[in-house]
N, C-alpha and C. Protein backbone atom coordinates (compact mmCIF):
# COMPACT_ATOMS: atom_id res chain seq x y z
N MET A 1 -52.15 -13.83 62.20
CA MET A 1 -50.73 -13.73 62.21
C MET A 1 -50.12 -14.94 61.57
N LYS A 2 -49.10 -14.73 60.80
CA LYS A 2 -48.32 -15.83 60.20
C LYS A 2 -47.25 -16.24 61.16
N ASN A 3 -46.98 -17.48 61.22
CA ASN A 3 -45.83 -17.98 61.99
C ASN A 3 -44.55 -17.98 61.15
N GLU A 4 -43.48 -18.14 61.76
CA GLU A 4 -42.15 -18.12 61.12
C GLU A 4 -42.06 -19.07 59.92
N GLU A 5 -42.55 -20.32 60.06
CA GLU A 5 -42.52 -21.28 59.07
C GLU A 5 -43.30 -20.86 57.77
N GLU A 6 -44.49 -20.23 58.03
CA GLU A 6 -45.27 -19.74 56.90
C GLU A 6 -44.52 -18.65 56.19
N ASN A 7 -43.92 -17.73 56.90
CA ASN A 7 -43.17 -16.65 56.26
C ASN A 7 -41.96 -17.19 55.48
N ILE A 8 -41.32 -18.18 55.97
CA ILE A 8 -40.17 -18.80 55.27
C ILE A 8 -40.71 -19.47 53.98
N SER A 9 -41.77 -20.23 54.12
CA SER A 9 -42.38 -20.86 52.94
C SER A 9 -42.79 -19.88 51.87
N GLU A 10 -43.45 -18.78 52.32
CA GLU A 10 -43.85 -17.75 51.34
C GLU A 10 -42.67 -17.16 50.68
N GLY A 11 -41.59 -16.88 51.40
CA GLY A 11 -40.36 -16.33 50.79
C GLY A 11 -39.74 -17.26 49.78
N LEU A 12 -39.72 -18.53 50.10
CA LEU A 12 -39.18 -19.54 49.13
C LEU A 12 -40.05 -19.61 47.88
N ASN A 13 -41.38 -19.56 48.05
CA ASN A 13 -42.26 -19.54 46.87
C ASN A 13 -41.99 -18.30 46.00
N GLN A 14 -41.73 -17.21 46.61
CA GLN A 14 -41.38 -15.97 45.85
C GLN A 14 -40.13 -16.14 45.04
N ILE A 15 -39.17 -16.78 45.63
CA ILE A 15 -37.87 -17.00 44.91
C ILE A 15 -38.16 -17.90 43.71
N PHE A 16 -38.92 -18.97 43.84
CA PHE A 16 -39.25 -19.84 42.73
C PHE A 16 -40.02 -19.10 41.67
N GLU A 17 -40.95 -18.21 42.09
CA GLU A 17 -41.72 -17.38 41.09
C GLU A 17 -40.80 -16.54 40.30
N ILE A 18 -39.84 -15.89 40.92
CA ILE A 18 -38.86 -15.05 40.27
C ILE A 18 -38.04 -15.84 39.28
N ILE A 19 -37.60 -17.01 39.65
CA ILE A 19 -36.82 -17.89 38.77
C ILE A 19 -37.69 -18.24 37.57
N ASN A 20 -38.94 -18.59 37.81
CA ASN A 20 -39.80 -19.05 36.74
C ASN A 20 -40.27 -17.87 35.84
N ALA A 21 -40.19 -16.68 36.30
CA ALA A 21 -40.67 -15.47 35.54
C ALA A 21 -39.74 -15.29 34.30
N LYS A 22 -38.48 -15.67 34.36
CA LYS A 22 -37.60 -15.60 33.28
C LYS A 22 -37.58 -14.27 32.49
N GLY A 23 -37.58 -13.21 33.25
CA GLY A 23 -37.55 -11.87 32.62
C GLY A 23 -38.85 -11.26 32.27
N ASP A 24 -39.94 -11.90 32.54
CA ASP A 24 -41.24 -11.36 32.23
C ASP A 24 -41.50 -10.19 33.23
N VAL A 25 -41.37 -8.96 32.70
CA VAL A 25 -41.41 -7.77 33.50
C VAL A 25 -42.74 -7.65 34.23
N GLY A 26 -43.82 -7.96 33.62
CA GLY A 26 -45.13 -7.85 34.30
C GLY A 26 -45.26 -8.81 35.47
N GLU A 27 -44.79 -10.00 35.24
CA GLU A 27 -44.79 -10.98 36.33
C GLU A 27 -43.85 -10.60 37.44
N LEU A 28 -42.70 -10.11 37.12
CA LEU A 28 -41.74 -9.69 38.14
C LEU A 28 -42.22 -8.52 38.95
N LYS A 29 -42.92 -7.59 38.28
CA LYS A 29 -43.51 -6.42 38.98
C LYS A 29 -44.56 -6.93 39.94
N GLU A 30 -45.39 -7.88 39.51
CA GLU A 30 -46.41 -8.42 40.37
C GLU A 30 -45.82 -9.08 41.59
N ILE A 31 -44.74 -9.85 41.46
CA ILE A 31 -44.09 -10.51 42.58
C ILE A 31 -43.53 -9.45 43.54
N VAL A 32 -42.99 -8.40 43.06
CA VAL A 32 -42.42 -7.31 43.88
C VAL A 32 -43.54 -6.64 44.72
N ASP A 33 -44.66 -6.37 43.98
CA ASP A 33 -45.81 -5.73 44.64
C ASP A 33 -46.34 -6.64 45.77
N GLN A 34 -46.43 -7.91 45.51
CA GLN A 34 -46.93 -8.87 46.51
C GLN A 34 -45.96 -8.88 47.68
N SER A 35 -44.70 -8.86 47.44
CA SER A 35 -43.64 -8.89 48.47
C SER A 35 -43.76 -7.58 49.32
N ALA A 36 -43.98 -6.48 48.72
CA ALA A 36 -44.09 -5.20 49.48
C ALA A 36 -45.33 -5.23 50.36
N ASN A 37 -46.43 -5.80 49.87
CA ASN A 37 -47.65 -5.93 50.70
C ASN A 37 -47.45 -6.81 51.89
N THR A 38 -46.73 -7.92 51.66
CA THR A 38 -46.46 -8.87 52.73
C THR A 38 -45.53 -8.28 53.74
N GLU A 39 -44.56 -7.53 53.26
CA GLU A 39 -43.64 -6.91 54.19
C GLU A 39 -44.32 -5.92 55.05
N SER A 40 -45.17 -5.10 54.49
CA SER A 40 -45.94 -4.11 55.33
C SER A 40 -46.80 -4.79 56.34
N GLU A 41 -47.40 -5.93 55.95
CA GLU A 41 -48.25 -6.68 56.92
C GLU A 41 -47.40 -7.15 58.11
N ILE A 42 -46.23 -7.64 57.80
CA ILE A 42 -45.34 -8.14 58.85
C ILE A 42 -44.86 -7.00 59.78
N LEU A 43 -44.56 -5.86 59.21
CA LEU A 43 -44.10 -4.74 59.97
C LEU A 43 -45.23 -4.14 60.82
N ASP A 44 -46.50 -4.27 60.40
CA ASP A 44 -47.60 -3.80 61.13
C ASP A 44 -47.94 -4.67 62.40
N GLN A 45 -47.37 -5.86 62.48
CA GLN A 45 -47.64 -6.74 63.60
C GLN A 45 -47.02 -6.28 64.89
């Protein structure tokens, strides 16, 4: 289980990844997919 600080850190990293993607559709889709997987893991806890 991830603690709250790890979840916050992961969320901030995703924001930076989105900013750095600069419109790269493939990279943005990958970020969204990773986020969906993380969200489902959190909800399963």
